[in-house]
Amino acid sequence: MGVMTVVRPPTLTIEPGDVLVRPGPYTLEDLDALPENGCRHELLNGVLLIMGAPATRHQLIVGSLYALLRAARTDDLQVVLSPFDVRIGVDTCLQPDLVVTRRSDPAEDALYIAPLLAVEVHSPSTRAFDLGPKMEILAAAGCPSYWTIDPREPALTVWSLHEGRYVETVRVAAQETWTATEPFAVAITPVELLDL
């Protein structure tokens, strides 16, 4: 009887906050075939992004915003935290930090249409993607509202869909309070997202 050798793929190590970019082209099928490695994966028009864990400040803001939105949402809507796939076409899978959807929209494993709201909290390594290809993809898919948060200040920028592109409609400084009307009414003071 021979000795069986187990071959394991090399371990992939991504530091917290880092992003590894693989040009591809990759498809959703390729993405689904990736082994579990503890990293977050997104696919932007066939380009694979492999991301390390987000920083503590990032997670505090996302968690606080989730609690705030969940408490204010209407019964027909739900607030979903990442990791949760928003799959658009055959070569795009986004994982916004937070999305708002109709309760009837998500399938068991993913969302296959644009959310009503997508939120990204920037990190130094993801900011260019958040304000570039991800924003363009969500706009083209018809996501009506996109919010980005700079965790350093913290500050909130609200982008609204206008003729297929996002237009900056509101910038909320750390100490300011802004009341959203879409997808539902909720008052947000960015600095308080670090204290909830």
N, C-alpha and C. Protein backbone atom coordinates (compact mmCIF):
# COMPACT_ATOMS: atom_id res chain seq x y z
N MET A 1 0.84 -1.17 0.00
CA MET A 1 0.00 0.00 0.00
C MET A 1 0.89 1.24 0.00
N GLY A 2 0.63 2.17 -0.93
CA GLY A 2 1.45 3.37 -1.08
C GLY A 2 1.08 4.44 -0.07
N VAL A 3 1.95 5.38 0.05
CA VAL A 3 1.71 6.52 0.93
C VAL A 3 1.01 7.62 0.13
N MET A 4 -0.06 8.13 0.68
CA MET A 4 -0.80 9.19 0.00
C MET A 4 -0.26 10.55 0.45
N THR A 5 0.00 11.40 -0.51
CA THR A 5 0.49 12.74 -0.22
C THR A 5 -0.63 13.74 -0.46
N VAL A 6 -0.88 14.56 0.52
CA VAL A 6 -1.90 15.59 0.40
C VAL A 6 -1.20 16.89 -0.03
N VAL A 7 -1.67 17.44 -1.13
CA VAL A 7 -1.11 18.69 -1.61
C VAL A 7 -2.10 19.80 -1.30
N ARG A 8 -1.63 20.79 -0.59
CA ARG A 8 -2.49 21.92 -0.23
C ARG A 8 -2.03 23.15 -0.99
N PRO A 9 -3.00 23.97 -1.38
CA PRO A 9 -2.61 25.21 -2.06
C PRO A 9 -1.84 26.10 -1.11
N PRO A 10 -0.94 26.93 -1.64
CA PRO A 10 -0.19 27.82 -0.76
C PRO A 10 -1.13 28.75 0.00
N THR A 11 -0.75 29.07 1.22
CA THR A 11 -1.55 29.97 2.03
C THR A 11 -1.41 31.40 1.51
N LEU A 12 -2.52 32.06 1.39
CA LEU A 12 -2.53 33.45 0.93
C LEU A 12 -2.66 34.34 2.15
N THR A 13 -1.70 35.22 2.33
CA THR A 13 -1.73 36.13 3.47
C THR A 13 -1.90 37.55 2.97
N ILE A 14 -2.99 38.17 3.38
CA ILE A 14 -3.25 39.57 3.05
C ILE A 14 -3.35 40.31 4.38
N GLU A 15 -2.57 41.34 4.53
CA GLU A 15 -2.59 42.12 5.76
C GLU A 15 -3.91 42.88 5.87
N PRO A 16 -4.37 43.15 7.10
CA PRO A 16 -5.59 43.94 7.26
C PRO A 16 -5.50 45.26 6.49
N GLY A 17 -6.55 45.56 5.75
CA GLY A 17 -6.61 46.79 4.98
C GLY A 17 -5.96 46.73 3.61
N ASP A 18 -5.22 45.64 3.30
CA ASP A 18 -4.57 45.51 1.99
C ASP A 18 -5.51 44.93 0.96
N VAL A 19 -5.20 45.20 -0.32
CA VAL A 19 -5.96 44.65 -1.44
C VAL A 19 -4.97 44.09 -2.45
N LEU A 20 -5.22 42.85 -2.88
CA LEU A 20 -4.46 42.22 -3.95
C LEU A 20 -5.34 42.22 -5.18
N VAL A 21 -4.82 42.71 -6.31
CA VAL A 21 -5.60 42.82 -7.54
C VAL A 21 -5.09 41.80 -8.55
N ARG A 22 -6.00 40.98 -9.07
CA ARG A 22 -5.68 40.01 -10.12
C ARG A 22 -6.50 40.36 -11.35
N PRO A 23 -5.85 40.80 -12.46
CA PRO A 23 -6.58 41.32 -13.62
C PRO A 23 -7.53 40.36 -14.32
N GLY A 24 -7.27 39.08 -14.34
CA GLY A 24 -8.21 38.15 -14.97
C GLY A 24 -8.15 38.14 -16.47
N PRO A 25 -9.22 37.91 -17.17
CA PRO A 25 -10.62 38.04 -16.73
C PRO A 25 -11.11 36.83 -15.93
N TYR A 26 -11.86 37.11 -14.88
CA TYR A 26 -12.49 36.10 -14.05
C TYR A 26 -14.00 36.20 -14.17
N THR A 27 -14.68 35.11 -13.85
CA THR A 27 -16.14 35.07 -13.88
C THR A 27 -16.66 34.70 -12.49
N LEU A 28 -17.97 34.75 -12.33
CA LEU A 28 -18.58 34.32 -11.06
C LEU A 28 -18.26 32.86 -10.79
N GLU A 29 -18.19 32.06 -11.85
CA GLU A 29 -17.85 30.64 -11.69
C GLU A 29 -16.44 30.50 -11.10
N ASP A 30 -15.50 31.30 -11.58
CA ASP A 30 -14.14 31.28 -11.03
C ASP A 30 -14.16 31.72 -9.57
N LEU A 31 -14.92 32.74 -9.27
CA LEU A 31 -15.01 33.25 -7.91
C LEU A 31 -15.55 32.17 -6.97
N ASP A 32 -16.59 31.48 -7.41
CA ASP A 32 -17.20 30.43 -6.59
C ASP A 32 -16.26 29.25 -6.36
N ALA A 33 -15.28 29.06 -7.26
CA ALA A 33 -14.35 27.93 -7.15
C ALA A 33 -13.15 28.24 -6.24
N LEU A 34 -13.01 29.49 -5.80
CA LEU A 34 -11.88 29.84 -4.94
C LEU A 34 -11.99 29.12 -3.60
N PRO A 35 -10.85 28.66 -3.07
CA PRO A 35 -10.89 28.02 -1.75
C PRO A 35 -11.11 29.07 -0.66
N GLU A 36 -11.69 28.65 0.44
CA GLU A 36 -11.84 29.54 1.59
C GLU A 36 -10.44 29.88 2.10
N ASN A 37 -10.14 31.16 2.25
CA ASN A 37 -8.82 31.54 2.73
C ASN A 37 -8.86 32.66 3.77
N GLY A 38 -10.06 32.96 4.26
CA GLY A 38 -10.19 34.00 5.27
C GLY A 38 -10.17 35.42 4.74
N CYS A 39 -10.07 35.56 3.43
CA CYS A 39 -10.06 36.90 2.81
C CYS A 39 -11.42 37.19 2.20
N ARG A 40 -11.67 38.47 1.95
CA ARG A 40 -12.88 38.87 1.24
C ARG A 40 -12.54 38.97 -0.24
N HIS A 41 -13.47 38.56 -1.09
CA HIS A 41 -13.25 38.58 -2.54
C HIS A 41 -14.35 39.37 -3.22
N GLU A 42 -13.96 40.20 -4.17
CA GLU A 42 -14.92 40.90 -5.02
C GLU A 42 -14.45 40.76 -6.46
N LEU A 43 -15.40 40.83 -7.36
CA LEU A 43 -15.11 40.72 -8.79
C LEU A 43 -15.70 41.95 -9.46
N LEU A 44 -14.84 42.78 -10.06
CA LEU A 44 -15.29 44.03 -10.70
C LEU A 44 -15.01 43.94 -12.19
N ASN A 45 -16.04 43.65 -12.97
CA ASN A 45 -15.88 43.52 -14.42
C ASN A 45 -14.73 42.59 -14.78
N GLY A 46 -14.67 41.43 -14.11
CA GLY A 46 -13.67 40.43 -14.41
C GLY A 46 -12.35 40.57 -13.67
N VAL A 47 -12.16 41.64 -12.92
CA VAL A 47 -10.95 41.85 -12.14
C VAL A 47 -11.20 41.37 -10.71
N LEU A 48 -10.35 40.47 -10.22
CA LEU A 48 -10.51 39.90 -8.89
C LEU A 48 -9.79 40.75 -7.86
N LEU A 49 -10.51 41.13 -6.80
CA LEU A 49 -9.92 41.83 -5.67
C LEU A 49 -9.94 40.89 -4.47
N ILE A 50 -8.80 40.74 -3.83
CA ILE A 50 -8.69 39.92 -2.62
C ILE A 50 -8.29 40.87 -1.51
N MET A 51 -9.14 40.96 -0.47
CA MET A 51 -8.95 41.97 0.56
C MET A 51 -8.75 41.36 1.93
N GLY A 52 -7.86 41.99 2.70
CA GLY A 52 -7.68 41.61 4.08
C GLY A 52 -8.80 42.16 4.95
N ALA A 53 -8.74 41.82 6.21
CA ALA A 53 -9.78 42.28 7.14
C ALA A 53 -9.76 43.79 7.27
N PRO A 54 -10.94 44.40 7.44
CA PRO A 54 -10.98 45.86 7.64
C PRO A 54 -10.48 46.24 9.04
N ALA A 55 -10.12 47.51 9.19
CA ALA A 55 -9.63 48.03 10.46
C ALA A 55 -10.77 48.17 11.48
N THR A 56 -10.41 48.29 12.73
CA THR A 56 -11.38 48.41 13.82
C THR A 56 -12.30 49.61 13.63
N ARG A 57 -11.74 50.77 13.32
CA ARG A 57 -12.55 51.99 13.13
C ARG A 57 -13.59 51.78 12.03
N HIS A 58 -13.17 51.14 10.94
CA HIS A 58 -14.06 50.81 9.83
C HIS A 58 -15.24 49.99 10.34
N GLN A 59 -14.94 48.95 11.10
CA GLN A 59 -15.98 48.05 11.59
C GLN A 59 -16.90 48.71 12.60
N LEU A 60 -16.36 49.60 13.43
CA LEU A 60 -17.21 50.34 14.37
C LEU A 60 -18.23 51.19 13.62
N ILE A 61 -17.79 51.87 12.57
CA ILE A 61 -18.69 52.71 11.78
C ILE A 61 -19.74 51.86 11.08
N VAL A 62 -19.32 50.77 10.46
CA VAL A 62 -20.28 49.90 9.76
C VAL A 62 -21.30 49.33 10.74
N GLY A 63 -20.83 48.86 11.89
CA GLY A 63 -21.75 48.29 12.88
C GLY A 63 -22.74 49.30 13.42
N SER A 64 -22.27 50.50 13.70
CA SER A 64 -23.16 51.55 14.21
C SER A 64 -24.18 51.98 13.16
N LEU A 65 -23.72 52.12 11.92
CA LEU A 65 -24.64 52.51 10.85
C LEU A 65 -25.69 51.42 10.62
N TYR A 66 -25.26 50.17 10.69
CA TYR A 66 -26.21 49.06 10.55
C TYR A 66 -27.30 49.16 11.61
N ALA A 67 -26.91 49.36 12.86
CA ALA A 67 -27.89 49.45 13.96
C ALA A 67 -28.84 50.63 13.75
N LEU A 68 -28.29 51.76 13.33
CA LEU A 68 -29.10 52.96 13.10
C LEU A 68 -30.10 52.74 11.96
N LEU A 69 -29.63 52.20 10.84
CA LEU A 69 -30.51 51.96 9.69
C LEU A 69 -31.54 50.88 9.99
N ARG A 70 -31.12 49.84 10.68
CA ARG A 70 -32.06 48.75 10.98
C ARG A 70 -33.20 49.24 11.87
N ALA A 71 -32.89 50.10 12.81
CA ALA A 71 -33.92 50.64 13.70
C ALA A 71 -34.89 51.56 12.97
N ALA A 72 -34.43 52.21 11.90
CA ALA A 72 -35.26 53.20 11.20
C ALA A 72 -35.98 52.64 9.97
N ARG A 73 -35.57 51.50 9.49
CA ARG A 73 -36.11 50.97 8.22
C ARG A 73 -37.59 50.67 8.32
N THR A 74 -38.23 50.66 7.17
CA THR A 74 -39.64 50.27 7.10
C THR A 74 -39.72 48.75 7.02
N ASP A 75 -40.88 48.19 7.33
CA ASP A 75 -41.03 46.74 7.42
C ASP A 75 -40.78 46.00 6.10
N ASP A 76 -40.94 46.68 4.98
CA ASP A 76 -40.75 46.01 3.68
C ASP A 76 -39.29 45.99 3.23
N LEU A 77 -38.40 46.60 4.03
CA LEU A 77 -36.99 46.67 3.67
C LEU A 77 -36.14 45.94 4.69
N GLN A 78 -34.93 45.58 4.27
CA GLN A 78 -33.97 44.98 5.20
C GLN A 78 -32.59 45.58 4.97
N VAL A 79 -31.80 45.57 6.03
CA VAL A 79 -30.44 46.08 6.01
C VAL A 79 -29.53 44.87 6.15
N VAL A 80 -28.57 44.73 5.23
CA VAL A 80 -27.71 43.55 5.21
C VAL A 80 -26.25 43.98 5.26
N LEU A 81 -25.48 43.33 6.14
CA LEU A 81 -24.05 43.59 6.31
C LEU A 81 -23.22 42.71 5.39
N SER A 82 -22.06 43.19 5.01
CA SER A 82 -21.08 42.38 4.29
C SER A 82 -20.47 41.40 5.29
N PRO A 83 -20.05 40.24 4.86
CA PRO A 83 -19.98 39.79 3.47
C PRO A 83 -21.33 39.29 2.96
N PHE A 84 -21.81 39.93 1.92
CA PHE A 84 -23.05 39.55 1.24
C PHE A 84 -22.88 39.95 -0.21
N ASP A 85 -23.05 38.99 -1.10
CA ASP A 85 -22.78 39.23 -2.53
C ASP A 85 -23.90 39.99 -3.22
N VAL A 86 -23.50 41.00 -3.99
CA VAL A 86 -24.38 41.65 -4.95
C VAL A 86 -23.82 41.25 -6.31
N ARG A 87 -24.51 40.33 -6.99
CA ARG A 87 -24.01 39.76 -8.24
C ARG A 87 -24.69 40.41 -9.42
N ILE A 88 -23.88 41.00 -10.28
CA ILE A 88 -24.39 41.73 -11.44
C ILE A 88 -23.69 41.18 -12.68
N GLY A 89 -24.44 40.53 -13.55
CA GLY A 89 -23.84 39.95 -14.75
C GLY A 89 -23.02 38.71 -14.43
N VAL A 90 -22.14 38.31 -15.36
CA VAL A 90 -21.36 37.08 -15.19
C VAL A 90 -19.96 37.34 -14.65
N ASP A 91 -19.57 38.62 -14.56
CA ASP A 91 -18.20 38.90 -14.14
C ASP A 91 -18.09 39.95 -13.04
N THR A 92 -19.18 40.14 -12.29
CA THR A 92 -19.17 41.15 -11.23
C THR A 92 -19.88 40.65 -9.98
N CYS A 93 -19.15 40.72 -8.87
CA CYS A 93 -19.70 40.38 -7.56
C CYS A 93 -19.14 41.38 -6.56
N LEU A 94 -19.99 42.26 -6.10
CA LEU A 94 -19.59 43.28 -5.13
C LEU A 94 -20.01 42.86 -3.73
N GLN A 95 -19.29 43.35 -2.75
CA GLN A 95 -19.67 43.17 -1.35
C GLN A 95 -19.60 44.52 -0.65
N PRO A 96 -20.59 45.39 -0.92
CA PRO A 96 -20.59 46.67 -0.19
C PRO A 96 -20.62 46.40 1.31
N ASP A 97 -20.11 47.34 2.08
CA ASP A 97 -20.10 47.16 3.53
C ASP A 97 -21.49 46.97 4.08
N LEU A 98 -22.47 47.57 3.44
CA LEU A 98 -23.85 47.50 3.90
C LEU A 98 -24.76 47.79 2.72
N VAL A 99 -25.88 47.07 2.63
CA VAL A 99 -26.87 47.36 1.59
C VAL A 99 -28.26 47.38 2.21
N VAL A 100 -29.15 48.13 1.57
CA VAL A 100 -30.57 48.11 1.90
C VAL A 100 -31.28 47.55 0.69
N THR A 101 -32.13 46.54 0.92
CA THR A 101 -32.88 45.89 -0.16
C THR A 101 -34.34 45.75 0.25
N ARG A 102 -35.17 45.48 -0.73
CA ARG A 102 -36.54 45.06 -0.42
C ARG A 102 -36.45 43.65 0.16
N ARG A 103 -37.29 43.33 1.09
CA ARG A 103 -37.27 41.98 1.67
C ARG A 103 -37.43 40.90 0.61
N SER A 104 -38.16 41.21 -0.44
CA SER A 104 -38.44 40.22 -1.48
C SER A 104 -37.30 40.06 -2.49
N ASP A 105 -36.28 40.92 -2.46
CA ASP A 105 -35.25 40.89 -3.50
C ASP A 105 -34.16 39.84 -3.36
N PRO A 106 -33.51 39.68 -2.20
CA PRO A 106 -32.38 38.76 -2.16
C PRO A 106 -32.80 37.29 -2.29
N ALA A 107 -31.97 36.54 -3.00
CA ALA A 107 -32.09 35.09 -3.00
C ALA A 107 -31.40 34.61 -1.72
N GLU A 108 -31.39 33.32 -1.50
CA GLU A 108 -30.77 32.78 -0.29
C GLU A 108 -29.28 33.12 -0.21
N ASP A 109 -28.60 33.10 -1.35
CA ASP A 109 -27.14 33.23 -1.35
C ASP A 109 -26.62 34.61 -1.75
N ALA A 110 -27.44 35.44 -2.39
CA ALA A 110 -26.93 36.72 -2.91
C ALA A 110 -28.08 37.61 -3.36
N LEU A 111 -27.72 38.82 -3.74
CA LEU A 111 -28.66 39.76 -4.35
C LEU A 111 -28.30 39.83 -5.83
N TYR A 112 -29.28 39.59 -6.69
CA TYR A 112 -29.02 39.54 -8.13
C TYR A 112 -29.55 40.77 -8.87
N ILE A 113 -29.96 41.79 -8.13
CA ILE A 113 -30.34 43.08 -8.71
C ILE A 113 -29.71 44.17 -7.86
N ALA A 114 -29.75 45.38 -8.34
CA ALA A 114 -29.15 46.48 -7.59
C ALA A 114 -29.89 46.70 -6.27
N PRO A 115 -29.15 46.97 -5.18
CA PRO A 115 -29.82 47.33 -3.93
C PRO A 115 -30.42 48.73 -4.04
N LEU A 116 -31.24 49.10 -3.06
CA LEU A 116 -31.80 50.45 -3.00
C LEU A 116 -30.75 51.45 -2.49
N LEU A 117 -29.85 50.95 -1.65
CA LEU A 117 -28.77 51.75 -1.10
C LEU A 117 -27.56 50.83 -0.91
N ALA A 118 -26.40 51.32 -1.30
CA ALA A 118 -25.14 50.63 -1.00
C ALA A 118 -24.26 51.62 -0.24
N VAL A 119 -23.55 51.12 0.77
CA VAL A 119 -22.68 51.97 1.59
C VAL A 119 -21.29 51.37 1.61
N GLU A 120 -20.29 52.22 1.41
CA GLU A 120 -18.89 51.82 1.54
C GLU A 120 -18.20 52.74 2.53
N VAL A 121 -17.50 52.14 3.49
CA VAL A 121 -16.62 52.89 4.38
C VAL A 121 -15.21 52.72 3.81
N HIS A 122 -14.59 53.82 3.46
CA HIS A 122 -13.28 53.75 2.80
C HIS A 122 -12.21 53.21 3.73
N SER A 123 -11.25 52.55 3.12
CA SER A 123 -9.96 52.30 3.75
C SER A 123 -8.93 52.82 2.75
N PRO A 124 -7.70 53.06 3.17
CA PRO A 124 -6.72 53.60 2.22
C PRO A 124 -6.59 52.74 0.95
N SER A 125 -6.72 51.43 1.09
CA SER A 125 -6.53 50.55 -0.06
C SER A 125 -7.78 50.36 -0.91
N THR A 126 -8.96 50.72 -0.40
CA THR A 126 -10.19 50.50 -1.18
C THR A 126 -10.82 51.79 -1.71
N ARG A 127 -10.36 52.92 -1.24
CA ARG A 127 -10.97 54.20 -1.62
C ARG A 127 -11.08 54.38 -3.14
N ALA A 128 -10.01 54.09 -3.86
CA ALA A 128 -10.02 54.26 -5.33
C ALA A 128 -11.04 53.34 -5.99
N PHE A 129 -11.21 52.13 -5.46
CA PHE A 129 -12.22 51.21 -6.00
C PHE A 129 -13.62 51.69 -5.65
N ASP A 130 -13.80 52.15 -4.40
CA ASP A 130 -15.12 52.62 -3.94
C ASP A 130 -15.61 53.80 -4.77
N LEU A 131 -14.69 54.70 -5.13
CA LEU A 131 -15.06 55.91 -5.87
C LEU A 131 -14.86 55.77 -7.38
N GLY A 132 -14.41 54.62 -7.81
CA GLY A 132 -14.18 54.36 -9.23
C GLY A 132 -15.08 53.26 -9.74
N PRO A 133 -14.50 52.07 -9.98
CA PRO A 133 -15.27 51.00 -10.62
C PRO A 133 -16.51 50.54 -9.85
N LYS A 134 -16.44 50.46 -8.53
CA LYS A 134 -17.63 50.01 -7.78
C LYS A 134 -18.77 51.00 -7.95
N MET A 135 -18.44 52.27 -7.86
CA MET A 135 -19.45 53.31 -8.01
C MET A 135 -20.06 53.25 -9.42
N GLU A 136 -19.23 53.08 -10.43
CA GLU A 136 -19.71 53.01 -11.82
C GLU A 136 -20.60 51.79 -12.04
N ILE A 137 -20.20 50.65 -11.48
CA ILE A 137 -20.98 49.41 -11.63
C ILE A 137 -22.35 49.56 -10.97
N LEU A 138 -22.38 50.08 -9.74
CA LEU A 138 -23.65 50.25 -9.04
C LEU A 138 -24.56 51.24 -9.76
N ALA A 139 -23.98 52.31 -10.30
CA ALA A 139 -24.77 53.29 -11.05
C ALA A 139 -25.36 52.64 -12.30
N ALA A 140 -24.53 51.90 -13.04
CA ALA A 140 -25.01 51.24 -14.27
C ALA A 140 -26.09 50.21 -13.97
N ALA A 141 -26.01 49.59 -12.78
CA ALA A 141 -27.00 48.59 -12.39
C ALA A 141 -28.30 49.23 -11.91
N GLY A 142 -28.27 50.54 -11.61
CA GLY A 142 -29.49 51.23 -11.21
C GLY A 142 -29.69 51.39 -9.72
N CYS A 143 -28.63 51.25 -8.91
CA CYS A 143 -28.74 51.47 -7.46
C CYS A 143 -29.00 52.96 -7.23
N PRO A 144 -30.17 53.34 -6.68
CA PRO A 144 -30.54 54.76 -6.61
C PRO A 144 -29.68 55.62 -5.68
N SER A 145 -29.07 55.00 -4.66
CA SER A 145 -28.33 55.79 -3.69
C SER A 145 -27.07 55.06 -3.25
N TYR A 146 -25.98 55.81 -3.17
CA TYR A 146 -24.68 55.26 -2.79
C TYR A 146 -24.08 56.21 -1.77
N TRP A 147 -23.72 55.69 -0.60
CA TRP A 147 -23.13 56.52 0.43
C TRP A 147 -21.70 56.06 0.63
N THR A 148 -20.78 57.01 0.78
CA THR A 148 -19.41 56.68 1.12
C THR A 148 -19.04 57.42 2.41
N ILE A 149 -18.27 56.75 3.23
CA ILE A 149 -17.89 57.32 4.52
C ILE A 149 -16.37 57.31 4.63
N ASP A 150 -15.81 58.47 4.92
CA ASP A 150 -14.39 58.58 5.20
C ASP A 150 -14.23 58.41 6.71
N PRO A 151 -13.63 57.31 7.16
CA PRO A 151 -13.58 57.04 8.60
C PRO A 151 -12.62 57.94 9.36
N ARG A 152 -11.73 58.63 8.67
CA ARG A 152 -10.76 59.47 9.36
C ARG A 152 -11.41 60.68 10.01
N GLU A 153 -12.44 61.25 9.38
CA GLU A 153 -13.05 62.49 9.90
C GLU A 153 -14.06 62.21 11.00
N PRO A 154 -15.01 61.39 11.01
CA PRO A 154 -15.63 60.73 9.87
C PRO A 154 -16.59 61.69 9.15
N ALA A 155 -16.74 61.48 7.86
CA ALA A 155 -17.66 62.29 7.06
C ALA A 155 -18.42 61.38 6.10
N LEU A 156 -19.64 61.76 5.81
CA LEU A 156 -20.52 60.99 4.92
C LEU A 156 -20.73 61.79 3.64
N THR A 157 -20.58 61.11 2.50
CA THR A 157 -20.92 61.71 1.22
C THR A 157 -22.06 60.91 0.62
N VAL A 158 -23.11 61.60 0.21
CA VAL A 158 -24.29 60.96 -0.36
C VAL A 158 -24.27 61.20 -1.87
N TRP A 159 -24.39 60.11 -2.62
CA TRP A 159 -24.41 60.15 -4.07
C TRP A 159 -25.78 59.67 -4.53
N SER A 160 -26.40 60.42 -5.43
CA SER A 160 -27.72 60.04 -5.96
C SER A 160 -27.60 59.78 -7.45
N LEU A 161 -28.36 58.81 -7.92
CA LEU A 161 -28.33 58.44 -9.33
C LEU A 161 -29.08 59.48 -10.15
N HIS A 162 -28.40 60.00 -11.17
CA HIS A 162 -29.01 60.99 -12.07
C HIS A 162 -28.52 60.69 -13.49
N GLU A 163 -29.46 60.31 -14.35
CA GLU A 163 -29.16 59.97 -15.74
C GLU A 163 -28.04 58.95 -15.86
N GLY A 164 -28.11 57.90 -15.02
CA GLY A 164 -27.17 56.79 -15.10
C GLY A 164 -25.83 57.00 -14.44
N ARG A 165 -25.64 58.13 -13.76
CA ARG A 165 -24.38 58.41 -13.07
C ARG A 165 -24.68 58.96 -11.68
N TYR A 166 -23.71 58.76 -10.78
CA TYR A 166 -23.87 59.32 -9.45
C TYR A 166 -23.43 60.78 -9.42
N VAL A 167 -24.24 61.57 -8.73
CA VAL A 167 -23.96 62.98 -8.51
C VAL A 167 -23.90 63.19 -6.99
N GLU A 168 -22.84 63.85 -6.52
CA GLU A 168 -22.75 64.14 -5.09
C GLU A 168 -23.85 65.13 -4.73
N THR A 169 -24.72 64.71 -3.80
CA THR A 169 -25.84 65.57 -3.42
C THR A 169 -25.69 66.17 -2.03
N VAL A 170 -24.98 65.47 -1.16
CA VAL A 170 -24.81 65.96 0.22
C VAL A 170 -23.46 65.50 0.73
N ARG A 171 -22.79 66.40 1.45
CA ARG A 171 -21.59 66.02 2.19
C ARG A 171 -21.83 66.42 3.63
N VAL A 172 -21.74 65.45 4.53
CA VAL A 172 -22.07 65.66 5.93
C VAL A 172 -20.78 65.57 6.74
N ALA A 173 -20.36 66.67 7.34
CA ALA A 173 -19.15 66.70 8.17
C ALA A 173 -19.40 65.96 9.48
N ALA A 174 -18.34 65.68 10.18
CA ALA A 174 -18.39 64.84 11.38
C ALA A 174 -19.47 65.24 12.38
N GLN A 175 -19.57 66.53 12.71
CA GLN A 175 -20.49 67.01 13.74
C GLN A 175 -21.87 67.38 13.21
N GLU A 176 -22.04 67.37 11.90
CA GLU A 176 -23.33 67.76 11.31
C GLU A 176 -24.31 66.59 11.36
N THR A 177 -25.59 66.94 11.36
CA THR A 177 -26.64 65.92 11.29
C THR A 177 -27.39 66.12 9.98
N TRP A 178 -27.60 65.02 9.29
CA TRP A 178 -28.32 65.02 8.02
C TRP A 178 -29.44 63.99 8.13
N THR A 179 -30.60 64.31 7.58
CA THR A 179 -31.71 63.37 7.59
C THR A 179 -31.96 62.86 6.18
N ALA A 180 -31.74 61.58 6.00
CA ALA A 180 -32.02 60.93 4.72
C ALA A 180 -33.52 60.79 4.55
N THR A 181 -33.97 60.80 3.31
CA THR A 181 -35.38 60.52 3.02
C THR A 181 -35.53 59.23 2.23
N GLU A 182 -34.45 58.81 1.57
CA GLU A 182 -34.47 57.57 0.79
C GLU A 182 -33.34 56.67 1.24
N PRO A 183 -33.52 55.39 1.36
CA PRO A 183 -34.75 54.66 1.08
C PRO A 183 -35.79 54.77 2.19
N PHE A 184 -35.42 55.46 3.29
CA PHE A 184 -36.37 55.75 4.38
C PHE A 184 -35.76 56.88 5.20
N ALA A 185 -36.55 57.48 6.06
CA ALA A 185 -36.08 58.60 6.87
C ALA A 185 -35.19 58.09 8.01
N VAL A 186 -34.01 58.71 8.13
CA VAL A 186 -33.11 58.40 9.23
C VAL A 186 -32.14 59.57 9.38
N ALA A 187 -31.90 59.99 10.63
CA ALA A 187 -30.96 61.08 10.91
C ALA A 187 -29.59 60.49 11.24
N ILE A 188 -28.56 61.06 10.61
CA ILE A 188 -27.20 60.54 10.78
C ILE A 188 -26.26 61.69 11.12
N THR A 189 -25.49 61.50 12.20
CA THR A 189 -24.40 62.40 12.57
C THR A 189 -23.14 61.55 12.51
N PRO A 190 -22.27 61.74 11.52
CA PRO A 190 -21.15 60.83 11.31
C PRO A 190 -20.29 60.54 12.54
N VAL A 191 -19.95 61.55 13.35
CA VAL A 191 -19.09 61.30 14.50
C VAL A 191 -19.74 60.34 15.49
N GLU A 192 -21.07 60.33 15.55
CA GLU A 192 -21.77 59.43 16.47
C GLU A 192 -21.68 57.97 16.04
N LEU A 193 -21.30 57.73 14.80
CA LEU A 193 -21.14 56.34 14.34
C LEU A 193 -19.96 55.66 15.03
N LEU A 194 -19.10 56.45 15.67
CA LEU A 194 -17.99 55.88 16.43
C LEU A 194 -18.35 55.64 17.88
N ASP A 195 -19.52 56.13 18.32
CA ASP A 195 -19.89 56.08 19.74
C ASP A 195 -21.07 55.18 20.06
N LEU A 196 -21.82 54.72 19.08
CA LEU A 196 -23.03 53.95 19.38
C LEU A 196 -22.73 52.64 20.05
